[in-house]
């Protein structure tokens, strides 16, 4: 299996990382301190910037992540002649099973992630933000002055930071204007992160990674701490609340049955602690933090969850309670009739 590294791969990684003096052989004519530096030099020579190299040469589907298969295909297209497996493990410093742009250029990745978050904080999509904020004259292109003005309306204050961001976003060589096609990839990044956040609800039983491969960082100069923006996604909690209602209906048959099931003490209302215990521990629908946000969305501006906040109408709740009372009454009458019936007359006898 490729993830079972063994001593030979570890030794080769130390050599390619430049941690073994005098034993490293270079695979390109670029003079770099290690294999990763040489790989970056190759990308810069072909594309001009690492941002353009990532988007045009590596991340073909625009998802923001590369698995092993995509990485091998991209390097073959680029004509890379070094050891691909060793380079993969050197770049995948966190042994996460995938490579992101942060492994190539942490500064540029942090800048793009911040722009993604700032753009989607108050807009439903990158396309909507472009139409409302950037392309106000409907020319389909935006120069640096207009881009700076648009970023200020998004919340940016440092023009130097915005200028660097503009350079990271430029995709066509020689062009000094941005088009929607140059920034729409951030929407794909957002979708990837939303899917990852949704998968976090499921428990992880087995992970395909070697715990002994990167017991220590092969290159101490690299920092694997990602920016706070890389973990943030613009979640529509109203939509999540609706998904939760659909889940309850699918699980219990109806919302009234669901509310009665999660209302353990039958008080008619749920506190935050009760809701978290029911949703996160018993139903295992999501984690406690997500359950807290879901509770706030359902109850706003109240502090307790009742059947009304769950989306149950008064007619539905009344009909459910009446039907339940009739069923209980029917069972009670049937048990009395069975008790006084002659021996052998009841269905049980």
C-alpha atoms as a PDB file:
ATOM      1  CA  UNK A   1       0.000   0.000   0.000  1.00  0.00           C
ATOM      2  CA  UNK A   2       1.311   3.447  -0.904  1.00  0.00           C
ATOM      3  CA  UNK A   3       0.638   4.897   2.558  1.00  0.00           C
ATOM      4  CA  UNK A   4       2.888   2.287   4.217  1.00  0.00           C
ATOM      5  CA  UNK A   5       6.070   4.311   3.979  1.00  0.00           C
ATOM      6  CA  UNK A   6       8.746   2.146   5.537  1.00  0.00           C
ATOM      7  CA  UNK A   7      12.315   3.182   6.324  1.00  0.00           C
ATOM      8  CA  UNK A   8      13.384   3.700   2.698  1.00  0.00           C
ATOM      9  CA  UNK A   9      10.786   6.399   1.990  1.00  0.00           C
ATOM     10  CA  UNK A  10      11.531   8.132   5.289  1.00  0.00           C
ATOM     11  CA  UNK A  11      15.246   8.166   4.492  1.00  0.00           C
ATOM     12  CA  UNK A  12      14.602   9.494   0.971  1.00  0.00           C
ATOM     13  CA  UNK A  13      12.323  12.200   2.361  1.00  0.00           C
ATOM     14  CA  UNK A  14      15.051  13.352   4.747  1.00  0.00           C
ATOM     15  CA  UNK A  15      17.477  13.521   1.817  1.00  0.00           C
ATOM     16  CA  UNK A  16      15.057  15.413  -0.446  1.00  0.00           C
ATOM     17  CA  UNK A  17      14.144  17.774   2.398  1.00  0.00           C
ATOM     18  CA  UNK A  18      17.816  18.763   2.654  1.00  0.00           C
ATOM     19  CA  UNK A  19      18.241  17.429   6.195  1.00  0.00           C
ATOM     20  CA  UNK A  20      21.036  15.002   5.300  1.00  0.00           C
ATOM     21  CA  UNK A  21      24.231  16.851   4.469  1.00  0.00           C
ATOM     22  CA  UNK A  22      25.952  16.132   1.176  1.00  0.00           C
ATOM     23  CA  UNK A  23      23.694  13.277   0.035  1.00  0.00           C
ATOM     24  CA  UNK A  24      20.979  15.021  -1.938  1.00  0.00           C
ATOM     25  CA  UNK A  25      20.906  14.804  -5.744  1.00  0.00           C
ATOM     26  CA  UNK A  26      18.924  17.486  -7.545  1.00  0.00           C
ATOM     27  CA  UNK A  27      16.281  16.443 -10.067  1.00  0.00           C
ATOM     28  CA  UNK A  28      16.161  19.795 -11.921  1.00  0.00           C
ATOM     29  CA  UNK A  29      18.595  22.510 -12.965  1.00  0.00           C
ATOM     30  CA  UNK A  30      17.074  24.850 -10.345  1.00  0.00           C
ATOM     31  CA  UNK A  31      19.239  25.333  -7.280  1.00  0.00           C
ATOM     32  CA  UNK A  32      16.840  24.921  -4.370  1.00  0.00           C
ATOM     33  CA  UNK A  33      17.356  24.035  -0.743  1.00  0.00           C
ATOM     34  CA  UNK A  34      15.071  21.017  -1.039  1.00  0.00           C
ATOM     35  CA  UNK A  35      12.766  19.223  -3.466  1.00  0.00           C
ATOM     36  CA  UNK A  36       9.796  21.423  -2.572  1.00  0.00           C
ATOM     37  CA  UNK A  37      11.739  24.599  -3.314  1.00  0.00           C
ATOM     38  CA  UNK A  38      12.842  23.192  -6.657  1.00  0.00           C
ATOM     39  CA  UNK A  39       9.268  22.236  -7.489  1.00  0.00           C
ATOM     40  CA  UNK A  40       8.130  25.790  -6.736  1.00  0.00           C
ATOM     41  CA  UNK A  41      10.874  27.158  -8.974  1.00  0.00           C
ATOM     42  CA  UNK A  42       9.642  24.924 -11.794  1.00  0.00           C
ATOM     43  CA  UNK A  43       6.093  26.232 -11.340  1.00  0.00           C
ATOM     44  CA  UNK A  44       7.263  29.855 -11.245  1.00  0.00           C
ATOM     45  CA  UNK A  45       9.267  29.402 -14.441  1.00  0.00           C
ATOM     46  CA  UNK A  46       6.234  27.951 -16.246  1.00  0.00           C
ATOM     47  CA  UNK A  47       3.394  30.127 -14.909  1.00  0.00           C
ATOM     48  CA  UNK A  48       4.936  33.231 -13.353  1.00  0.00           C
ATOM     49  CA  UNK A  49       3.154  32.951  -9.987  1.00  0.00           C
ATOM     50  CA  UNK A  50       2.311  30.032  -7.720  1.00  0.00           C
ATOM     51  CA  UNK A  51      -1.325  31.113  -7.661  1.00  0.00           C
ATOM     52  CA  UNK A  52      -1.557  30.872 -11.442  1.00  0.00           C
ATOM     53  CA  UNK A  53       0.359  27.573 -11.365  1.00  0.00           C
ATOM     54  CA  UNK A  54      -2.073  26.081  -8.855  1.00  0.00           C
ATOM     55  CA  UNK A  55      -5.165  27.106 -10.804  1.00  0.00           C
ATOM     56  CA  UNK A  56      -3.911  26.374 -14.335  1.00  0.00           C
ATOM     57  CA  UNK A  57      -1.448  23.533 -13.864  1.00  0.00           C
ATOM     58  CA  UNK A  58      -2.394  21.615 -10.729  1.00  0.00           C
ATOM     59  CA  UNK A  59      -5.988  22.047  -9.560  1.00  0.00           C
ATOM     60  CA  UNK A  60      -7.742  21.144 -12.802  1.00  0.00           C
ATOM     61  CA  UNK A  61     -11.245  20.795 -11.307  1.00  0.00           C
ATOM     62  CA  UNK A  62     -10.957  23.945  -9.160  1.00  0.00           C
ATOM     63  CA  UNK A  63     -11.945  22.139  -5.960  1.00  0.00           C
ATOM     64  CA  UNK A  64      -9.061  23.596  -3.946  1.00  0.00           C
ATOM     65  CA  UNK A  65      -7.741  20.128  -3.059  1.00  0.00           C
ATOM     66  CA  UNK A  66      -5.521  17.563  -4.783  1.00  0.00           C
ATOM     67  CA  UNK A  67      -5.655  13.881  -4.000  1.00  0.00           C
ATOM     68  CA  UNK A  68      -2.844  11.501  -4.967  1.00  0.00           C
ATOM     69  CA  UNK A  69      -4.362  10.647  -8.348  1.00  0.00           C
ATOM     70  CA  UNK A  70      -4.903  14.301  -9.337  1.00  0.00           C
ATOM     71  CA  UNK A  71      -1.407  15.194  -8.128  1.00  0.00           C
ATOM     72  CA  UNK A  72       0.243  12.462 -10.239  1.00  0.00           C
ATOM     73  CA  UNK A  73      -1.747  13.436 -13.334  1.00  0.00           C
ATOM     74  CA  UNK A  74      -0.857  17.119 -12.907  1.00  0.00           C
ATOM     75  CA  UNK A  75       2.869  16.415 -12.502  1.00  0.00           C
ATOM     76  CA  UNK A  76       2.900  14.197 -15.559  1.00  0.00           C
ATOM     77  CA  UNK A  77       1.281  16.989 -17.574  1.00  0.00           C
ATOM     78  CA  UNK A  78       3.928  19.403 -16.317  1.00  0.00           C
ATOM     79  CA  UNK A  79       6.741  17.006 -17.199  1.00  0.00           C
ATOM     80  CA  UNK A  80       8.075  16.637 -13.663  1.00  0.00           C
ATOM     81  CA  UNK A  81      10.977  14.143 -13.571  1.00  0.00           C
ATOM     82  CA  UNK A  82      11.542  13.790  -9.813  1.00  0.00           C
ATOM     83  CA  UNK A  83      10.120  11.217  -7.439  1.00  0.00           C
ATOM     84  CA  UNK A  84       6.403  12.042  -7.278  1.00  0.00           C
ATOM     85  CA  UNK A  85       5.675   9.927  -4.217  1.00  0.00           C
ATOM     86  CA  UNK A  86       8.402  11.600  -2.172  1.00  0.00           C
ATOM     87  CA  UNK A  87       7.317  15.083  -3.290  1.00  0.00           C
ATOM     88  CA  UNK A  88       3.722  14.236  -2.309  1.00  0.00           C
ATOM     89  CA  UNK A  89       4.679  13.337   1.250  1.00  0.00           C
ATOM     90  CA  UNK A  90       6.933  16.389   1.518  1.00  0.00           C
ATOM     91  CA  UNK A  91       4.070  18.687   0.508  1.00  0.00           C
ATOM     92  CA  UNK A  92       1.424  16.870   2.554  1.00  0.00           C
ATOM     93  CA  UNK A  93       3.079  17.927   5.785  1.00  0.00           C
ATOM     94  CA  UNK A  94       0.017  17.289   7.929  1.00  0.00           C
ATOM     95  CA  UNK A  95      -0.408  13.791   6.426  1.00  0.00           C
ATOM     96  CA  UNK A  96      -4.017  14.697   5.593  1.00  0.00           C
ATOM     97  CA  UNK A  97      -4.286  12.661   2.405  1.00  0.00           C
ATOM     98  CA  UNK A  98      -4.712  15.745   0.217  1.00  0.00           C
ATOM     99  CA  UNK A  99      -2.755  18.846  -0.794  1.00  0.00           C
ATOM    100  CA  UNK A 100      -4.129  22.373  -0.785  1.00  0.00           C
ATOM    101  CA  UNK A 101      -2.747  25.659  -2.080  1.00  0.00           C
ATOM    102  CA  UNK A 102      -1.611  26.436   1.461  1.00  0.00           C
ATOM    103  CA  UNK A 103       1.190  23.862   1.101  1.00  0.00           C
ATOM    104  CA  UNK A 104       2.588  25.768  -1.891  1.00  0.00           C
ATOM    105  CA  UNK A 105       2.106  29.421  -0.917  1.00  0.00           C
ATOM    106  CA  UNK A 106       0.694  30.006   2.599  1.00  0.00           C
ATOM    107  CA  UNK A 107       0.615  33.799   2.216  1.00  0.00           C
ATOM    108  CA  UNK A 108      -1.293  33.766  -1.073  1.00  0.00           C
ATOM    109  CA  UNK A 109      -3.612  31.023   0.192  1.00  0.00           C
ATOM    110  CA  UNK A 110      -4.466  33.049   3.300  1.00  0.00           C
ATOM    111  CA  UNK A 111      -5.186  36.102   1.145  1.00  0.00           C
ATOM    112  CA  UNK A 112      -7.503  34.168  -1.182  1.00  0.00           C
ATOM    113  CA  UNK A 113      -9.280  32.473   1.735  1.00  0.00           C
ATOM    114  CA  UNK A 114      -9.915  35.838   3.361  1.00  0.00           C
ATOM    115  CA  UNK A 115     -11.340  37.222   0.116  1.00  0.00           C
ATOM    116  CA  UNK A 116     -13.610  34.173  -0.152  1.00  0.00           C
ATOM    117  CA  UNK A 117     -14.949  34.681   3.368  1.00  0.00           C
ATOM    118  CA  UNK A 118     -15.345  38.455   2.998  1.00  0.00           C
ATOM    119  CA  UNK A 119     -17.157  37.997  -0.331  1.00  0.00           C
ATOM    120  CA  UNK A 120     -19.592  35.357   0.891  1.00  0.00           C
ATOM    121  CA  UNK A 121     -20.229  36.897   4.277  1.00  0.00           C
ATOM    122  CA  UNK A 122     -23.039  39.092   2.933  1.00  0.00           C
ATOM    123  CA  UNK A 123     -23.594  37.634  -0.540  1.00  0.00           C
ATOM    124  CA  UNK A 124     -25.092  34.326  -1.580  1.00  0.00           C
ATOM    125  CA  UNK A 125     -22.366  33.520  -4.100  1.00  0.00           C
ATOM    126  CA  UNK A 126     -19.205  34.844  -5.747  1.00  0.00           C
ATOM    127  CA  UNK A 127     -21.242  35.575  -8.873  1.00  0.00           C
ATOM    128  CA  UNK A 128     -23.702  37.668  -6.891  1.00  0.00           C
ATOM    129  CA  UNK A 129     -20.888  39.560  -5.158  1.00  0.00           C
ATOM    130  CA  UNK A 130     -19.241  40.275  -8.529  1.00  0.00           C
ATOM    131  CA  UNK A 131     -22.462  41.660  -9.973  1.00  0.00           C
ATOM    132  CA  UNK A 132     -23.381  43.815  -6.966  1.00  0.00           C
ATOM    133  CA  UNK A 133     -19.976  44.991  -5.688  1.00  0.00           C
ATOM    134  CA  UNK A 134     -17.317  44.756  -8.389  1.00  0.00           C
ATOM    135  CA  UNK A 135     -18.818  45.027 -11.876  1.00  0.00           C
ATOM    136  CA  UNK A 136     -21.050  48.034 -11.269  1.00  0.00           C
ATOM    137  CA  UNK A 137     -20.598  49.430 -14.793  1.00  0.00           C
ATOM    138  CA  UNK A 138     -21.459  46.025 -16.359  1.00  0.00           C
ATOM    139  CA  UNK A 139     -18.280  45.992 -18.438  1.00  0.00           C
ATOM    140  CA  UNK A 140     -17.470  42.400 -17.340  1.00  0.00           C
ATOM    141  CA  UNK A 141     -13.922  43.461 -16.412  1.00  0.00           C
ATOM    142  CA  UNK A 142     -12.540  45.203 -13.323  1.00  0.00           C
ATOM    143  CA  UNK A 143      -9.256  47.096 -13.080  1.00  0.00           C
ATOM    144  CA  UNK A 144      -7.221  47.667  -9.942  1.00  0.00           C
ATOM    145  CA  UNK A 145      -8.860  51.031  -8.926  1.00  0.00           C
ATOM    146  CA  UNK A 146     -12.370  49.581  -9.212  1.00  0.00           C
ATOM    147  CA  UNK A 147     -11.248  46.405  -7.441  1.00  0.00           C
ATOM    148  CA  UNK A 148      -9.866  48.433  -4.524  1.00  0.00           C
ATOM    149  CA  UNK A 149     -13.134  50.344  -4.276  1.00  0.00           C
ATOM    150  CA  UNK A 150     -15.124  47.119  -4.281  1.00  0.00           C
ATOM    151  CA  UNK A 151     -12.914  45.511  -1.628  1.00  0.00           C
ATOM    152  CA  UNK A 152     -13.406  48.519   0.634  1.00  0.00           C
ATOM    153  CA  UNK A 153     -17.147  47.922   0.503  1.00  0.00           C
ATOM    154  CA  UNK A 154     -16.464  44.291   1.513  1.00  0.00           C
ATOM    155  CA  UNK A 155     -14.575  45.442   4.602  1.00  0.00           C
ATOM    156  CA  UNK A 156     -10.944  45.731   3.486  1.00  0.00           C
ATOM    157  CA  UNK A 157      -8.976  48.706   4.814  1.00  0.00           C
ATOM    158  CA  UNK A 158      -5.386  48.136   3.611  1.00  0.00           C
ATOM    159  CA  UNK A 159      -4.874  49.058  -0.071  1.00  0.00           C
ATOM    160  CA  UNK A 160      -1.515  47.285  -0.152  1.00  0.00           C
ATOM    161  CA  UNK A 161      -3.209  44.057   0.926  1.00  0.00           C
ATOM    162  CA  UNK A 162      -5.853  44.502  -1.784  1.00  0.00           C
ATOM    163  CA  UNK A 163      -3.161  45.141  -4.412  1.00  0.00           C
ATOM    164  CA  UNK A 164      -1.426  41.876  -3.487  1.00  0.00           C
ATOM    165  CA  UNK A 165      -4.761  40.097  -3.655  1.00  0.00           C
ATOM    166  CA  UNK A 166      -5.342  41.541  -7.129  1.00  0.00           C
ATOM    167  CA  UNK A 167      -2.032  40.059  -8.309  1.00  0.00           C
ATOM    168  CA  UNK A 168      -2.931  36.653  -6.850  1.00  0.00           C
ATOM    169  CA  UNK A 169      -6.255  36.641  -8.706  1.00  0.00           C
ATOM    170  CA  UNK A 170      -4.892  37.591 -12.136  1.00  0.00           C
ATOM    171  CA  UNK A 171      -5.087  34.526 -14.328  1.00  0.00           C
ATOM    172  CA  UNK A 172      -4.228  35.727 -17.835  1.00  0.00           C
ATOM    173  CA  UNK A 173      -0.631  36.708 -18.410  1.00  0.00           C
ATOM    174  CA  UNK A 174      -0.179  40.348 -19.440  1.00  0.00           C
ATOM    175  CA  UNK A 175      -3.732  41.329 -18.490  1.00  0.00           C
ATOM    176  CA  UNK A 176      -4.337  43.995 -15.834  1.00  0.00           C
ATOM    177  CA  UNK A 177      -8.074  43.407 -15.548  1.00  0.00           C
ATOM    178  CA  UNK A 178     -10.067  40.833 -13.646  1.00  0.00           C
ATOM    179  CA  UNK A 179     -13.080  39.006 -15.042  1.00  0.00           C
ATOM    180  CA  UNK A 180     -15.635  36.850 -13.277  1.00  0.00           C
ATOM    181  CA  UNK A 181     -13.871  33.763 -14.652  1.00  0.00           C
ATOM    182  CA  UNK A 182     -10.775  34.764 -12.658  1.00  0.00           C
ATOM    183  CA  UNK A 183     -12.461  34.640  -9.247  1.00  0.00           C
ATOM    184  CA  UNK A 184     -15.310  32.142  -9.674  1.00  0.00           C
ATOM    185  CA  UNK A 185     -12.987  29.339  -8.536  1.00  0.00           C
ATOM    186  CA  UNK A 186     -13.505  30.596  -4.983  1.00  0.00           C
ATOM    187  CA  UNK A 187     -17.105  29.380  -5.186  1.00  0.00           C
ATOM    188  CA  UNK A 188     -15.784  25.861  -5.819  1.00  0.00           C
ATOM    189  CA  UNK A 189     -13.497  26.227  -2.807  1.00  0.00           C
ATOM    190  CA  UNK A 190     -16.539  27.211  -0.755  1.00  0.00           C
ATOM    191  CA  UNK A 191     -18.500  24.159  -1.920  1.00  0.00           C
ATOM    192  CA  UNK A 192     -15.575  21.875  -1.057  1.00  0.00           C
ATOM    193  CA  UNK A 193     -15.361  23.315   2.453  1.00  0.00           C
ATOM    194  CA  UNK A 194     -19.128  23.053   2.944  1.00  0.00           C
ATOM    195  CA  UNK A 195     -19.025  19.369   2.009  1.00  0.00           C
ATOM    196  CA  UNK A 196     -16.138  18.831   4.408  1.00  0.00           C
ATOM    197  CA  UNK A 197     -18.024  20.599   7.201  1.00  0.00           C
ATOM    198  CA  UNK A 198     -21.062  18.433   6.511  1.00  0.00           C
ATOM    199  CA  UNK A 199     -18.972  15.238   6.572  1.00  0.00           C
ATOM    200  CA  UNK A 200     -17.693  16.179  10.020  1.00  0.00           C
ATOM    201  CA  UNK A 201     -21.080  15.150  11.380  1.00  0.00           C
ATOM    202  CA  UNK A 202     -20.180  11.525  10.676  1.00  0.00           C
ATOM    203  CA  UNK A 203     -17.824   9.684  12.972  1.00  0.00           C
ATOM    204  CA  UNK A 204     -14.397   8.778  11.622  1.00  0.00           C
ATOM    205  CA  UNK A 205     -13.716   5.069  12.146  1.00  0.00           C
ATOM    206  CA  UNK A 206     -10.604   4.581  10.022  1.00  0.00           C
ATOM    207  CA  UNK A 207      -8.185   7.005   8.425  1.00  0.00           C
ATOM    208  CA  UNK A 208      -5.847   6.127   5.555  1.00  0.00           C
ATOM    209  CA  UNK A 209      -2.639   7.646   6.869  1.00  0.00           C
ATOM    210  CA  UNK A 210       0.680   6.466   8.251  1.00  0.00           C
ATOM    211  CA  UNK A 211       1.142   7.762  11.840  1.00  0.00           C
ATOM    212  CA  UNK A 212       4.902   7.231  11.695  1.00  0.00           C
ATOM    213  CA  UNK A 213       5.619   8.955   8.380  1.00  0.00           C
ATOM    214  CA  UNK A 214       5.848  12.537   9.629  1.00  0.00           C
ATOM    215  CA  UNK A 215       6.558  12.061  13.311  1.00  0.00           C
ATOM    216  CA  UNK A 216       8.616  15.234  13.081  1.00  0.00           C
ATOM    217  CA  UNK A 217       8.463  18.064  10.574  1.00  0.00           C
ATOM    218  CA  UNK A 218      10.917  17.451   7.772  1.00  0.00           C
ATOM    219  CA  UNK A 219      11.331  21.168   7.148  1.00  0.00           C
ATOM    220  CA  UNK A 220      11.188  23.262  10.350  1.00  0.00           C
ATOM    221  CA  UNK A 221      11.026  26.482   8.312  1.00  0.00           C
ATOM    222  CA  UNK A 222       7.574  25.610   7.011  1.00  0.00           C
ATOM    223  CA  UNK A 223       4.545  26.499   9.071  1.00  0.00           C
ATOM    224  CA  UNK A 224       1.501  24.259   8.862  1.00  0.00           C
ATOM    225  CA  UNK A 225      -0.750  26.557  10.865  1.00  0.00           C
ATOM    226  CA  UNK A 226      -3.482  27.685   8.507  1.00  0.00           C
ATOM    227  CA  UNK A 227      -5.207  31.027   8.611  1.00  0.00           C
ATOM    228  CA  UNK A 228      -8.473  31.298  10.470  1.00  0.00           C
ATOM    229  CA  UNK A 229     -10.238  32.066   7.189  1.00  0.00           C
ATOM    230  CA  UNK A 230      -9.389  28.666   5.677  1.00  0.00           C
ATOM    231  CA  UNK A 231     -11.740  26.907   8.123  1.00  0.00           C
ATOM    232  CA  UNK A 232     -14.681  29.265   7.748  1.00  0.00           C
ATOM    233  CA  UNK A 233     -17.643  28.639   5.473  1.00  0.00           C
ATOM    234  CA  UNK A 234     -20.722  30.727   4.852  1.00  0.00           C
ATOM    235  CA  UNK A 235     -23.451  28.412   6.144  1.00  0.00           C
ATOM    236  CA  UNK A 236     -27.097  29.339   5.639  1.00  0.00           C
ATOM    237  CA  UNK A 237     -28.487  28.245   9.002  1.00  0.00           C
ATOM    238  CA  UNK A 238     -32.068  28.754   7.893  1.00  0.00           C
ATOM    239  CA  UNK A 239     -31.420  26.167   5.201  1.00  0.00           C
ATOM    240  CA  UNK A 240     -29.734  23.907   7.777  1.00  0.00           C
ATOM    241  CA  UNK A 241     -32.788  24.237  10.030  1.00  0.00           C
ATOM    242  CA  UNK A 242     -35.005  23.128   7.157  1.00  0.00           C
ATOM    243  CA  UNK A 243     -32.722  20.150   6.501  1.00  0.00           C
ATOM    244  CA  UNK A 244     -33.001  19.248  10.183  1.00  0.00           C
ATOM    245  CA  UNK A 245     -36.806  19.281   9.951  1.00  0.00           C
ATOM    246  CA  UNK A 246     -36.659  17.020   6.893  1.00  0.00           C
ATOM    247  CA  UNK A 247     -34.365  14.661   8.823  1.00  0.00           C
ATOM    248  CA  UNK A 248     -36.804  14.526  11.760  1.00  0.00           C
ATOM    249  CA  UNK A 249     -39.737  13.748   9.452  1.00  0.00           C
ATOM    250  CA  UNK A 250     -37.740  10.991   7.737  1.00  0.00           C
ATOM    251  CA  UNK A 251     -36.641   9.510  11.069  1.00  0.00           C
ATOM    252  CA  UNK A 252     -39.831   9.762  13.140  1.00  0.00           C
ATOM    253  CA  UNK A 253     -42.566  10.082  10.524  1.00  0.00           C
ATOM    254  CA  UNK A 254     -43.753  13.554  11.501  1.00  0.00           C
ATOM    255  CA  UNK A 255     -42.568  16.642  13.365  1.00  0.00           C
ATOM    256  CA  UNK A 256     -44.995  16.175  16.305  1.00  0.00           C
ATOM    257  CA  UNK A 257     -43.684  12.634  16.872  1.00  0.00           C
ATOM    258  CA  UNK A 258     -40.120  13.927  16.608  1.00  0.00           C
ATOM    259  CA  UNK A 259     -40.675  16.690  19.163  1.00  0.00           C
ATOM    260  CA  UNK A 260     -42.296  14.294  21.608  1.00  0.00           C
ATOM    261  CA  UNK A 261     -39.389  11.869  21.165  1.00  0.00           C
ATOM    262  CA  UNK A 262     -36.661  14.424  21.887  1.00  0.00           C
ATOM    263  CA  UNK A 263     -38.649  16.043  24.741  1.00  0.00           C
ATOM    264  CA  UNK A 264     -37.451  13.497  27.284  1.00  0.00           C
ATOM    265  CA  UNK A 265     -39.053  15.030  30.392  1.00  0.00           C
ATOM    266  CA  UNK A 266     -42.329  15.841  28.555  1.00  0.00           C
ATOM    267  CA  UNK A 267     -42.225  19.469  29.715  1.00  0.00           C
ATOM    268  CA  UNK A 268     -43.271  20.836  26.334  1.00  0.00           C
ATOM    269  CA  UNK A 269     -40.047  22.806  25.831  1.00  0.00           C
ATOM    270  CA  UNK A 270     -36.347  22.134  25.387  1.00  0.00           C
ATOM    271  CA  UNK A 271     -33.412  24.047  26.797  1.00  0.00           C
ATOM    272  CA  UNK A 272     -30.105  24.317  24.936  1.00  0.00           C
ATOM    273  CA  UNK A 273     -28.543  21.529  27.019  1.00  0.00           C
ATOM    274  CA  UNK A 274     -31.514  19.222  26.402  1.00  0.00           C
ATOM    275  CA  UNK A 275     -31.487  19.974  22.679  1.00  0.00           C
ATOM    276  CA  UNK A 276     -27.735  19.330  22.392  1.00  0.00           C
ATOM    277  CA  UNK A 277     -28.033  16.056  24.304  1.00  0.00           C
ATOM    278  CA  UNK A 278     -30.867  14.846  22.075  1.00  0.00           C
ATOM    279  CA  UNK A 279     -29.434  15.977  18.728  1.00  0.00           C
ATOM    280  CA  UNK A 280     -25.704  15.416  19.234  1.00  0.00           C
ATOM    281  CA  UNK A 281     -25.620  12.418  21.598  1.00  0.00           C
ATOM    282  CA  UNK A 282     -28.819  10.434  21.001  1.00  0.00           C
ATOM    283  CA  UNK A 283     -29.621  11.176  17.341  1.00  0.00           C
ATOM    284  CA  UNK A 284     -25.932  11.794  16.438  1.00  0.00           C
ATOM    285  CA  UNK A 285     -27.103  14.279  13.817  1.00  0.00           C
ATOM    286  CA  UNK A 286     -24.284  16.796  14.326  1.00  0.00           C
ATOM    287  CA  UNK A 287     -21.732  17.971  16.861  1.00  0.00           C
ATOM    288  CA  UNK A 288     -22.466  20.031  19.950  1.00  0.00           C
ATOM    289  CA  UNK A 289     -21.249  23.289  18.394  1.00  0.00           C
ATOM    290  CA  UNK A 290     -23.459  22.864  15.342  1.00  0.00           C
ATOM    291  CA  UNK A 291     -26.372  21.840  17.571  1.00  0.00           C
ATOM    292  CA  UNK A 292     -25.929  25.081  19.510  1.00  0.00           C
ATOM    293  CA  UNK A 293     -26.098  27.177  16.338  1.00  0.00           C
ATOM    294  CA  UNK A 294     -29.071  25.150  15.105  1.00  0.00           C
ATOM    295  CA  UNK A 295     -30.866  25.744  18.419  1.00  0.00           C
ATOM    296  CA  UNK A 296     -30.268  29.490  18.176  1.00  0.00           C
ATOM    297  CA  UNK A 297     -31.600  29.555  14.624  1.00  0.00           C
ATOM    298  CA  UNK A 298     -34.756  27.663  15.579  1.00  0.00           C
ATOM    299  CA  UNK A 299     -35.502  29.605  18.766  1.00  0.00           C
ATOM    300  CA  UNK A 300     -34.499  33.176  17.850  1.00  0.00           C
ATOM    301  CA  UNK A 301     -35.335  35.406  19.675  1.00  0.00           C
ATOM    302  CA  UNK A 302     -36.606  32.986  22.372  1.00  0.00           C
ATOM    303  CA  UNK A 303     -34.403  30.925  24.696  1.00  0.00           C
ATOM    304  CA  UNK A 304     -36.480  27.725  24.808  1.00  0.00           C
ATOM    305  CA  UNK A 305     -37.527  25.427  21.969  1.00  0.00           C
ATOM    306  CA  UNK A 306     -41.205  24.522  21.788  1.00  0.00           C
ATOM    307  CA  UNK A 307     -43.183  22.711  19.111  1.00  0.00           C
ATOM    308  CA  UNK A 308     -44.040  26.044  17.461  1.00  0.00           C
ATOM    309  CA  UNK A 309     -40.349  26.877  16.851  1.00  0.00           C
ATOM    310  CA  UNK A 310     -39.821  23.454  15.327  1.00  0.00           C
ATOM    311  CA  UNK A 311     -42.291  24.377  12.587  1.00  0.00           C
ATOM    312  CA  UNK A 312     -45.384  22.541  13.838  1.00  0.00           C
ATOM    313  CA  UNK A 313     -48.668  24.376  13.295  1.00  0.00           C
ATOM    314  CA  UNK A 314     -51.339  24.508  15.971  1.00  0.00           C
ATOM    315  CA  UNK A 315     -53.668  22.396  13.829  1.00  0.00           C
ATOM    316  CA  UNK A 316     -51.007  19.690  13.359  1.00  0.00           C
ATOM    317  CA  UNK A 317     -50.154  19.610  17.061  1.00  0.00           C
ATOM    318  CA  UNK A 318     -53.826  19.483  18.128  1.00  0.00           C
ATOM    319  CA  UNK A 319     -54.623  16.715  15.634  1.00  0.00           C
ATOM    320  CA  UNK A 320     -51.602  14.706  16.783  1.00  0.00           C
ATOM    321  CA  UNK A 321     -52.506  15.046  20.480  1.00  0.00           C
ATOM    322  CA  UNK A 322     -56.148  14.110  19.816  1.00  0.00           C
ATOM    323  CA  UNK A 323     -55.142  11.068  17.781  1.00  0.00           C
ATOM    324  CA  UNK A 324     -52.730   9.988  20.492  1.00  0.00           C
ATOM    325  CA  UNK A 325     -55.418  10.376  23.156  1.00  0.00           C
ATOM    326  CA  UNK A 326     -57.896   8.338  21.060  1.00  0.00           C
ATOM    327  CA  UNK A 327     -55.335   5.575  20.579  1.00  0.00           C
ATOM    328  CA  UNK A 328     -54.588   5.494  24.304  1.00  0.00           C
ATOM    329  CA  UNK A 329     -58.315   5.418  25.093  1.00  0.00           C
ATOM    330  CA  UNK A 330     -58.871   2.582  22.606  1.00  0.00           C
ATOM    331  CA  UNK A 331     -56.093   0.511  24.153  1.00  0.00           C
ATOM    332  CA  UNK A 332     -57.432   1.165  27.639  1.00  0.00           C
ATOM    333  CA  UNK A 333     -60.968   0.058  26.700  1.00  0.00           C
ATOM    334  CA  UNK A 334     -59.638  -3.000  24.888  1.00  0.00           C
ATOM    335  CA  UNK A 335     -57.602  -4.037  27.924  1.00  0.00           C
ATOM    336  CA  UNK A 336     -60.684  -3.737  30.164  1.00  0.00           C
ATOM    337  CA  UNK A 337     -62.790  -5.801  27.772  1.00  0.00           C
ATOM    338  CA  UNK A 338     -60.083  -8.447  27.620  1.00  0.00           C
ATOM    339  CA  UNK A 339     -59.960  -8.563  31.423  1.00  0.00           C
ATOM    340  CA  UNK A 340     -63.687  -9.262  31.874  1.00  0.00           C
ATOM    341  CA  UNK A 341     -64.102 -11.529  28.841  1.00  0.00           C
ATOM    342  CA  UNK A 342     -64.738 -15.275  29.426  1.00  0.00           C
ATOM    343  CA  UNK A 343     -61.752 -17.559  29.333  1.00  0.00           C
ATOM    344  CA  UNK A 344     -60.752 -18.182  25.726  1.00  0.00           C
ATOM    345  CA  UNK A 345     -62.735 -15.249  24.287  1.00  0.00           C
ATOM    346  CA  UNK A 346     -59.919 -12.719  24.106  1.00  0.00           C
ATOM    347  CA  UNK A 347     -57.399 -12.764  21.267  1.00  0.00           C
ATOM    348  CA  UNK A 348     -54.562 -13.289  23.774  1.00  0.00           C
ATOM    349  CA  UNK A 349     -56.299 -16.352  25.293  1.00  0.00           C
END
